[in-house]
Structure formats: C-alpha cells, structure tokens
Amino acid sequence: MTKKTTTLLLLCTVAALCFMGCEEKSSSSKRTREYNAMILQTTSRKLASTYSATIRGKQDIDIRPKVQGYITDIKVKEGSIVRNGQTLFVIDQVPYQAALATAEANVDVAKAQVDAAELSATSKEKLFEQNIISDFDLRMARTQLASAKAQLAQARANELTATNNLSYTLVKSPVDGVVGTLPFRVGTLVSPSDTTPLTTVSDNSEMYVYFSMSESQVLSLKRQYGVLEKALLELPNVELRLNDGTKYSEKGVIEAISGIIDPITGSVTIRAKFPNKKRLLLSGGSGTVILPHRQEGCVVIPKSATYEVQDKVYVYKVENGIAKATIVGVFEISNSKEYIVESGLIEGDTIVVEGVGLLRNDTPVKIKEFVTNKRSKRE
C-alpha cells in the first residue's frame, strides 16, 4: 500500500467518525426528557390573613384633678397594680378643710336664723288673730322666714360643695388596672384645666386589639354571612403575633366591626378581645392579628413548579407534549410551600413540577409520573 493510499484511508475514517458523532449529538438534542407533572384539580386550603394591630386596655382612663392645689403625696409607682377606689394622689387639703369648716359654720348660722324667723312668724300670727298687727306685718314675718330657709338651703349646698372638694383632694382610681407614667411630682401645682393627666390607669384584665380590613374584605364578609352580626358569631378565633415574633398564648374573639368606612384609608376598624390574666399584653403595644379561614374550590400549585423573571411568576404548562412557559397570578399560602392560583391556570391543566429551572420554552417533555395537589380534609 502506497503512502498516498494510506493517507486517504485515514482521512475517510476521521470523516466517518465525525459524521457519526454529529448524528449522535443531534439525536441526543432532540431526545424527549421525562418529568414529573401535575394535573390541576380544585381543592381547599386553610389560609391565614394577617393584619397590623394596636393593643389597648379594656379601659384606658386619664386621671385628672377635680380641684386645684399642690400635690402633697403620691401613693403609687409607675406600673403599680391598683384597685377601684384606691388613692393615687393627695392634693393639699388644708384650704379645703378650712372651706368646709366655714361652710359648716354658715349652716349653723342659717339654722339659727330660721329658728328666729319661725318664732317671729308664730308670734305675728297670734297678734294678727287678735287684730293687734296688720296683715302687712304678718306677711313680712312669713317672708323673712322663707328667706331664712332659703339661706339655710344655700348654706347646706355650699357645705356639700366644700365636702366634695375636700374629698377630691384624694385622687382615687375609678377602676382596677395598672398605673401608667407619672409626669408630676410632689409639690407640683395642678388644676382641672391642665391638659396633661396626672396618670393613666389601664384596665388590662382583658385587652382590645384593633385592626383594619379593606372595604372589599368587609363586603366579602357580608356576602358570605348575610349580615355582620352573623359574621361576628361565626368568625373563627384569631391569634396575635407579638412584636418579638412569638405568638400570644391565648386566642381572641372578634366582637365588633365598625359600621363606618374611614374616608381617608378606605378601611373598616375591627376589634378583637383577648384575655390577659398574666398581664403580658400592655396597652399601647402593637402586633399582628392572624385570622384563619378556609378557601374552597381553589387551584393550588407547589412553589417548586414555578420560577420568576422580573417579578413575574411562570410555570411550564404541558400542551401536546410541549412545555409552554406560562405567566400565572398567585398568592402565597402561609405554609410557604404552595401558591393559590388566581389567574393563568384552570382545573385540568397539566404543569411540570420538577426541574423547571433546566427547562426551556417549547421543549418536548414526557410525563414520568403524575403527582397530586389534593390534601386530607383535616388540613
């Protein structure tokens, strides 16, 4: 065999091998891959809506003085637990004790004047019967008696006012609760016209938690239950997530829905009541109300079956064996593993549920196994 012939055979062999490799690569690129898929069915899920909330005591009562004077004693500390009728502050009592003593003396004087006027009137009546005095003298005596009685009534009213004013120097708590801040100290002059209260007593045996729903959400409740009164009876108990991320141990009851829509925010205020036996909740705090509800007849897909491009969520819908990239409208379920589909997919559609990150649009796919989106009724 000549050298020229050997070279020619070698070139033919290389060309044949290259052709076979290209053919195998082309065949491999057109090979249909196998994926797990899901045929969408309607199902139900337990959801949880969250709302920002503010916490208030059952009663938050500003304590204000009813009389003017210097604070002579403060009987409580900030954060103290107090009972109804317990003294919180003492305002200088000396001028009010003097005013009461004066009022009591005036009552005694008025009583003496009434007694004297009664004696005069009785005497004049007898003299009039004997035609010793005129009718004018008798009427004057009676008028003086009436005037003395009126002065006695006025003196007794002043005595009552002085008694009340003296009692107001002992500033007492009107409810059981917890004392707030104490902005004033002993020696401070206070009066009923002060804009700042002496303190605030919060009745926090039970706490009111306020949150807001949009107008559309409230309308949805009305459609579901007919009237809001029925909704209050049938709405589930709510949970409260505190600012540190923990859940409050007790559940609350929604007991009031405002009948007025805030014209600025377009929302309706809702009030839930939570027990507070351990006094963990404090008035003025904040948290998040968690309202559970069940959504029936929804289409649910796993998050693993989706991918995002520029804030849009996509899935691969299988049509005639071809994977089609499809935009879907979704919202996330609280388990963080699933989406509820709002648009883009319907019951009966088939989607790829694995390996979506490696797929490309219009790629042929073969279904390896079907998975389901159903769950047990207990969930």
Protein backbone atom coordinates (compact mmCIF):
# COMPACT_ATOMS: atom_id res chain seq x y z
CA MET A 1 0.00 0.00 0.00
CA THR A 2 1.37 3.34 -1.00
CA LYS A 3 1.77 6.28 1.31
CA LYS A 4 -0.84 8.24 -0.64
CA THR A 5 -3.41 5.47 -0.27
CA THR A 6 -2.80 5.20 3.49
CA THR A 7 -3.35 8.94 3.97
CA LEU A 8 -6.61 8.80 2.02
CA LEU A 9 -7.96 5.93 4.15
CA LEU A 10 -7.08 7.80 7.34
CA LEU A 11 -8.95 10.92 6.21
CA CYS A 12 -12.03 8.87 5.32
CA THR A 13 -12.00 7.19 8.73
CA VAL A 14 -11.82 10.56 10.56
CA ALA A 15 -14.64 11.97 8.44
CA ALA A 16 -16.83 8.95 9.18
CA LEU A 17 -16.22 9.26 12.90
CA CYS A 18 -17.06 12.99 12.87
CA PHE A 19 -20.29 12.33 10.96
CA MET A 20 -21.35 9.63 13.42
CA GLY A 21 -20.60 11.96 16.39
CA CYS A 22 -22.64 14.81 14.93
CA GLU A 23 -25.53 12.50 14.18
CA GLU A 24 -25.47 11.14 17.73
CA LYS A 25 -25.34 14.70 19.18
CA SER A 26 -28.27 15.79 17.01
CA SER A 27 -30.26 12.76 18.08
CA SER A 28 -29.44 13.48 21.73
CA SER A 29 -30.58 17.11 21.45
CA LYS A 30 -33.95 16.02 20.14
CA ARG A 31 -34.40 13.38 22.83
CA THR A 32 -37.55 13.93 24.90
CA ARG A 33 -36.81 14.23 28.64
CA GLU A 34 -39.05 12.77 31.37
CA TYR A 35 -40.53 14.97 34.12
CA ASN A 36 -42.99 14.63 36.95
CA ALA A 37 -46.17 16.57 36.25
CA MET A 38 -49.44 17.53 37.89
CA ILE A 39 -52.97 17.62 36.54
CA LEU A 40 -54.54 20.54 38.38
CA GLN A 41 -57.64 19.91 40.44
CA THR A 42 -59.66 22.21 42.66
CA THR A 43 -59.09 21.66 46.34
CA SER A 44 -59.32 23.56 49.65
CA ARG A 45 -56.72 25.10 51.88
CA LYS A 46 -56.66 26.59 55.34
CA LEU A 47 -55.34 30.12 54.97
CA ALA A 48 -54.35 32.84 57.40
CA SER A 49 -54.75 36.54 56.70
CA THR A 50 -52.57 38.91 58.71
CA TYR A 51 -53.35 42.46 59.80
CA SER A 52 -51.26 45.04 61.65
CA ALA A 53 -52.86 45.76 65.01
CA THR A 54 -52.69 48.08 68.00
CA ILE A 55 -53.28 46.92 71.56
CA ARG A 56 -55.35 48.87 74.06
CA GLY A 57 -56.55 48.18 77.56
CA LYS A 58 -60.22 47.43 78.09
CA GLN A 59 -60.34 50.86 79.69
CA ASP A 60 -57.58 53.46 79.46
CA ILE A 61 -58.71 56.18 81.85
CA ASP A 62 -56.92 59.50 82.18
CA ILE A 63 -56.75 60.53 85.83
CA ARG A 64 -57.27 64.28 86.24
CA PRO A 65 -57.63 66.50 89.33
CA LYS A 66 -61.06 67.95 90.11
CA VAL A 67 -59.65 70.68 92.33
CA GLN A 68 -56.63 72.96 92.19
CA GLY A 69 -53.74 72.59 94.59
CA TYR A 70 -50.23 71.34 95.24
CA ILE A 71 -49.57 67.59 95.20
CA THR A 72 -48.54 66.64 98.73
CA ASP A 73 -48.25 62.88 98.29
CA ILE A 74 -48.08 60.26 95.54
CA LYS A 75 -49.32 56.89 96.78
CA VAL A 76 -48.37 54.71 93.78
CA LYS A 77 -45.49 53.99 91.43
CA GLU A 78 -45.43 53.67 87.68
CA GLY A 79 -46.64 50.21 86.70
CA SER A 80 -48.35 49.59 90.05
CA ILE A 81 -51.46 47.40 90.04
CA VAL A 82 -54.29 49.32 91.72
CA ARG A 83 -57.86 48.60 92.75
CA ASN A 84 -61.04 50.55 92.23
CA GLY A 85 -61.21 53.31 94.87
CA GLN A 86 -57.52 53.17 95.80
CA THR A 87 -55.91 56.57 96.49
CA LEU A 88 -53.33 57.56 93.89
CA PHE A 89 -52.53 61.21 94.77
CA VAL A 90 -53.15 63.60 97.64
CA ILE A 91 -53.65 67.29 96.88
CA ASP A 92 -53.07 69.88 99.65
CA GLN A 93 -56.12 69.51 101.90
CA VAL A 94 -55.64 72.47 104.26
CA PRO A 95 -57.53 75.14 102.26
CA TYR A 96 -60.38 72.73 101.55
CA GLN A 97 -60.63 71.69 105.19
CA ALA A 98 -60.88 75.38 106.10
CA ALA A 99 -63.53 75.94 103.43
CA LEU A 100 -65.56 73.03 104.82
CA ALA A 101 -65.31 74.36 108.36
CA THR A 102 -66.54 77.76 107.16
CA ALA A 103 -69.40 76.14 105.27
CA GLU A 104 -70.43 74.13 108.34
CA ALA A 105 -70.41 77.31 110.46
CA ASN A 106 -72.56 79.10 107.89
CA VAL A 107 -75.07 76.25 108.09
CA ASP A 108 -75.27 76.68 111.86
CA VAL A 109 -75.83 80.43 111.47
CA ALA A 110 -78.53 79.84 108.86
CA LYS A 111 -80.27 77.34 111.15
CA ALA A 112 -80.32 79.89 113.96
CA GLN A 113 -81.79 82.49 111.61
CA VAL A 114 -84.53 80.06 110.57
CA ASP A 115 -85.38 79.34 114.21
CA ALA A 116 -85.61 83.08 114.97
CA ALA A 117 -87.75 83.72 111.89
CA GLU A 118 -90.10 80.86 112.82
CA LEU A 119 -90.58 82.31 116.34
CA SER A 120 -91.28 85.74 114.89
CA ALA A 121 -93.76 84.39 112.35
CA THR A 122 -95.61 82.34 115.02
CA SER A 123 -95.84 85.37 117.29
CA LYS A 124 -97.11 87.60 114.48
CA GLU A 125 -99.83 85.09 113.58
CA LYS A 126 -101.20 85.24 117.15
CA LEU A 127 -101.08 89.03 117.23
CA PHE A 128 -102.82 89.16 113.85
CA GLU A 129 -105.62 86.94 115.18
CA GLN A 130 -106.11 89.47 118.00
CA ASN A 131 -106.17 92.34 115.47
CA ILE A 132 -103.10 93.86 117.08
CA ILE A 133 -100.98 93.94 113.91
CA SER A 134 -101.87 94.42 110.31
CA ASP A 135 -101.86 91.85 107.52
CA PHE A 136 -98.73 93.53 106.12
CA ASP A 137 -96.76 92.80 109.32
CA LEU A 138 -97.81 89.12 109.20
CA ARG A 139 -96.81 88.74 105.57
CA MET A 140 -93.44 90.38 106.28
CA ALA A 141 -92.79 87.87 109.07
CA ARG A 142 -93.62 84.98 106.78
CA THR A 143 -91.37 86.38 104.05
CA GLN A 144 -88.47 86.67 106.48
CA LEU A 145 -88.99 83.01 107.47
CA ALA A 146 -88.95 81.90 103.82
CA SER A 147 -85.79 83.95 103.23
CA ALA A 148 -84.10 82.36 106.27
CA LYS A 149 -84.98 78.87 105.00
CA ALA A 150 -83.58 79.72 101.56
CA GLN A 151 -80.34 80.93 103.14
CA LEU A 152 -80.15 77.66 105.08
CA ALA A 153 -80.58 75.65 101.86
CA GLN A 154 -77.84 77.70 100.21
CA ALA A 155 -75.53 77.19 103.19
CA ARG A 156 -76.14 73.42 103.05
CA ALA A 157 -75.35 73.41 99.30
CA ASN A 158 -72.11 75.24 99.98
CA GLU A 159 -71.33 72.72 102.71
CA LEU A 160 -71.91 69.87 100.25
CA THR A 161 -69.63 71.55 97.70
CA ALA A 162 -66.93 72.04 100.33
CA THR A 163 -67.29 68.40 101.40
CA ASN A 164 -66.94 67.20 97.83
CA ASN A 165 -63.96 69.47 97.15
CA LEU A 166 -62.22 68.08 100.23
CA SER A 167 -62.90 64.53 99.05
CA TYR A 168 -61.47 65.41 95.63
CA THR A 169 -58.11 66.13 97.24
CA LEU A 170 -57.79 62.34 97.45
CA VAL A 171 -57.45 61.37 93.78
CA LYS A 172 -58.63 57.75 93.50
CA SER A 173 -58.60 55.12 90.79
CA PRO A 174 -62.04 54.59 89.20
CA VAL A 175 -61.17 51.02 88.05
CA ASP A 176 -58.89 48.07 88.69
CA GLY A 177 -55.83 48.40 86.50
CA VAL A 178 -52.21 49.34 86.02
CA VAL A 179 -50.78 52.81 86.58
CA GLY A 180 -49.06 54.46 83.63
CA THR A 181 -46.43 57.20 83.70
CA LEU A 182 -46.33 59.81 86.48
CA PRO A 183 -45.41 63.13 84.84
CA PHE A 184 -45.94 65.18 88.04
CA ARG A 185 -44.05 65.10 91.34
CA VAL A 186 -44.78 66.17 94.90
CA GLY A 187 -45.03 69.96 95.10
CA THR A 188 -46.41 70.42 91.58
CA LEU A 189 -49.40 72.75 91.28
CA VAL A 190 -52.20 71.00 89.39
CA SER A 191 -55.69 72.04 88.35
CA PRO A 192 -58.68 70.69 86.39
CA SER A 193 -57.67 72.83 83.40
CA ASP A 194 -54.34 71.00 82.92
CA THR A 195 -54.05 69.31 79.53
CA THR A 196 -51.73 66.58 80.85
CA PRO A 197 -53.41 64.00 83.11
CA LEU A 198 -51.88 63.03 86.45
CA THR A 199 -51.55 59.50 85.07
CA THR A 200 -53.48 56.88 83.12
CA VAL A 201 -54.93 53.75 84.67
CA SER A 202 -55.33 50.90 82.21
CA ASP A 203 -57.80 48.13 82.94
CA ASN A 204 -55.88 45.33 81.22
CA SER A 205 -57.57 42.26 82.62
CA GLU A 206 -58.78 41.96 79.02
CA MET A 207 -57.22 43.71 76.07
CA TYR A 208 -58.79 45.20 72.97
CA VAL A 209 -56.79 44.63 69.79
CA TYR A 210 -57.75 46.90 66.89
CA PHE A 211 -57.01 46.17 63.23
CA SER A 212 -58.44 47.22 59.88
CA MET A 213 -59.97 45.44 56.91
CA SER A 214 -60.44 46.94 53.49
CA GLU A 215 -63.90 47.81 52.28
CA SER A 216 -63.84 44.91 49.80
CA GLN A 217 -62.93 42.42 52.55
CA VAL A 218 -65.84 43.59 54.71
CA LEU A 219 -68.20 43.38 51.73
CA SER A 220 -66.97 39.83 51.18
CA LEU A 221 -67.88 39.00 54.80
CA LYS A 222 -71.35 40.47 54.31
CA ARG A 223 -71.86 38.38 51.17
CA GLN A 224 -70.66 35.27 52.94
CA TYR A 225 -72.65 35.65 56.16
CA GLY A 226 -75.52 37.90 55.09
CA VAL A 227 -75.16 40.41 57.94
CA LEU A 228 -72.17 41.45 60.01
CA GLU A 229 -73.90 40.38 63.23
CA LYS A 230 -73.89 36.81 61.95
CA ALA A 231 -70.27 37.15 60.89
CA LEU A 232 -69.32 38.11 64.45
CA LEU A 233 -70.93 34.91 65.71
CA GLU A 234 -69.34 32.61 63.14
CA LEU A 235 -65.90 34.09 62.51
CA PRO A 236 -63.14 31.86 63.96
CA ASN A 237 -61.00 32.87 66.90
CA VAL A 238 -57.96 34.93 65.98
CA GLU A 239 -54.33 34.73 67.04
CA LEU A 240 -51.93 37.52 67.95
CA ARG A 241 -48.28 37.64 66.91
CA LEU A 242 -46.27 39.93 69.18
CA ASN A 243 -43.51 42.27 68.06
CA ASP A 244 -40.80 39.80 69.09
CA GLY A 245 -42.20 37.30 66.59
CA THR A 246 -43.78 34.98 69.16
CA LYS A 247 -47.45 34.06 69.22
CA TYR A 248 -49.56 35.08 72.20
CA SER A 249 -50.68 32.00 74.11
CA GLU A 250 -54.38 32.95 74.23
CA LYS A 251 -56.73 33.28 71.27
CA GLY A 252 -59.03 36.25 70.82
CA VAL A 253 -62.62 36.76 69.74
CA ILE A 254 -63.73 39.33 67.18
CA GLU A 255 -66.55 41.17 68.90
CA ALA A 256 -67.07 44.40 66.96
CA ILE A 257 -66.92 45.59 63.36
CA SER A 258 -67.26 49.32 62.78
CA GLY A 259 -70.19 50.36 60.63
CA ILE A 260 -68.26 53.34 59.24
CA ILE A 261 -65.64 53.33 56.49
CA ASP A 262 -62.70 55.66 57.11
CA PRO A 263 -62.85 58.11 54.17
CA ILE A 264 -59.07 58.60 54.25
CA THR A 265 -57.89 54.98 54.37
CA GLY A 266 -60.98 53.29 52.93
CA SER A 267 -60.82 50.71 55.72
CA VAL A 268 -63.10 49.47 58.49
CA THR A 269 -61.91 49.08 62.08
CA ILE A 270 -62.28 45.64 63.70
CA ARG A 271 -61.97 44.96 67.43
CA ALA A 272 -60.90 41.65 68.93
CA LYS A 273 -60.82 40.87 72.64
CA PHE A 274 -58.00 38.86 74.22
CA PRO A 275 -57.76 37.62 77.83
CA ASN A 276 -54.74 38.95 79.72
CA LYS A 277 -54.62 37.08 83.01
CA LYS A 278 -50.82 37.08 83.12
CA ARG A 279 -50.74 40.77 82.13
CA LEU A 280 -48.27 40.08 79.33
CA LEU A 281 -50.04 42.47 76.97
CA LEU A 282 -49.58 46.17 77.63
CA SER A 283 -51.78 49.00 76.49
CA GLY A 284 -50.18 50.96 73.67
CA GLY A 285 -48.37 47.95 72.21
CA SER A 286 -48.66 46.60 68.69
CA GLY A 287 -48.66 43.24 66.94
CA THR A 288 -50.18 41.27 64.09
CA VAL A 289 -53.62 39.68 64.12
CA ILE A 290 -53.84 36.31 62.34
CA LEU A 291 -57.32 35.50 61.03
CA PRO A 292 -57.67 31.88 59.82
CA HIS A 293 -60.14 30.99 57.09
CA ARG A 294 -60.71 28.18 54.62
CA GLN A 295 -60.77 28.69 50.87
CA GLU A 296 -62.75 26.14 48.90
CA GLY A 297 -62.55 25.32 45.20
CA CYS A 298 -59.09 26.78 44.62
CA VAL A 299 -56.26 25.62 42.37
CA VAL A 300 -53.02 25.05 44.30
CA ILE A 301 -49.55 24.56 42.84
CA PRO A 302 -46.22 23.88 44.58
CA LYS A 303 -43.71 26.72 44.61
CA SER A 304 -41.13 24.28 43.27
CA ALA A 305 -43.12 24.18 39.99
CA THR A 306 -42.59 27.91 39.43
CA TYR A 307 -39.80 30.30 38.56
CA GLU A 308 -39.61 34.09 38.49
CA VAL A 309 -38.46 36.51 35.83
CA GLN A 310 -38.66 40.27 36.53
CA ASP A 311 -41.13 39.80 39.39
CA LYS A 312 -43.43 37.64 37.26
CA VAL A 313 -44.17 34.03 38.21
CA TYR A 314 -44.03 31.38 35.48
CA VAL A 315 -44.88 27.69 35.18
CA TYR A 316 -44.41 25.24 32.34
CA LYS A 317 -47.81 24.11 31.11
CA VAL A 318 -47.73 20.90 29.06
CA GLU A 319 -49.67 21.19 25.79
CA ASN A 320 -49.49 18.30 23.29
CA GLY A 321 -46.24 17.10 24.87
CA ILE A 322 -44.59 20.53 24.68
CA ALA A 323 -43.64 22.63 27.75
CA LYS A 324 -45.05 26.15 27.34
CA ALA A 325 -43.85 28.94 29.66
CA THR A 326 -46.98 30.50 31.17
CA ILE A 327 -47.35 33.56 33.41
CA VAL A 328 -49.60 32.93 36.44
CA GLY A 329 -51.14 35.18 39.07
CA VAL A 330 -50.64 33.70 42.54
CA PHE A 331 -50.57 34.45 46.24
CA GLU A 332 -48.53 32.58 48.78
CA ILE A 333 -50.06 30.25 51.38
CA SER A 334 -48.85 30.55 54.97
CA ASN A 335 -47.02 27.20 54.74
CA SER A 336 -44.55 28.94 52.33
CA LYS A 337 -44.52 25.87 50.08
CA GLU A 338 -47.53 26.48 47.84
CA TYR A 339 -49.29 29.12 45.80
CA ILE A 340 -53.00 29.55 45.22
CA VAL A 341 -53.54 30.37 41.56
CA GLU A 342 -55.58 33.45 40.77
CA SER A 343 -55.05 33.55 37.00
CA GLY A 344 -53.26 31.77 34.15
CA LEU A 345 -54.23 28.18 35.03
CA ILE A 346 -57.51 26.31 35.43
CA GLU A 347 -58.61 22.92 36.63
CA GLY A 348 -57.49 20.20 34.23
CA ASP A 349 -54.29 21.92 33.08
CA THR A 350 -51.06 19.92 33.30
CA ILE A 351 -47.87 21.53 34.59
CA VAL A 352 -44.29 20.34 35.10
CA VAL A 353 -43.45 20.14 38.80
CA GLU A 354 -39.73 19.32 38.77
CA GLY A 355 -36.62 20.61 37.09
CA VAL A 356 -38.29 23.78 35.81
CA GLY A 357 -35.00 25.64 36.18
CA LEU A 358 -33.46 23.49 33.44
CA LEU A 359 -36.41 23.58 31.05
CA ARG A 360 -36.77 25.93 28.11
CA ASN A 361 -39.88 27.13 26.36
CA ASP A 362 -41.26 24.78 23.65
CA THR A 363 -39.20 21.86 24.92
CA PRO A 364 -40.71 18.38 24.28
CA VAL A 365 -41.42 16.60 27.57
CA LYS A 366 -42.55 13.15 28.55
CA ILE A 367 -44.54 12.61 31.73
CA LYS A 368 -42.68 10.30 34.05
CA GLU A 369 -45.18 10.37 36.94
CA PHE A 370 -48.24 12.40 37.95
CA VAL A 371 -48.40 13.94 41.41
CA THR A 372 -51.48 15.38 43.07
CA ASN A 373 -52.31 18.67 44.78
CA LYS A 374 -55.01 17.15 46.98
CA ARG A 375 -54.72 17.01 50.75
CA SER A 376 -56.62 15.32 53.51
CA LYS A 377 -59.76 17.03 54.76
CA ARG A 378 -58.16 17.64 58.14
CA GLU A 379 -55.72 20.16 56.68
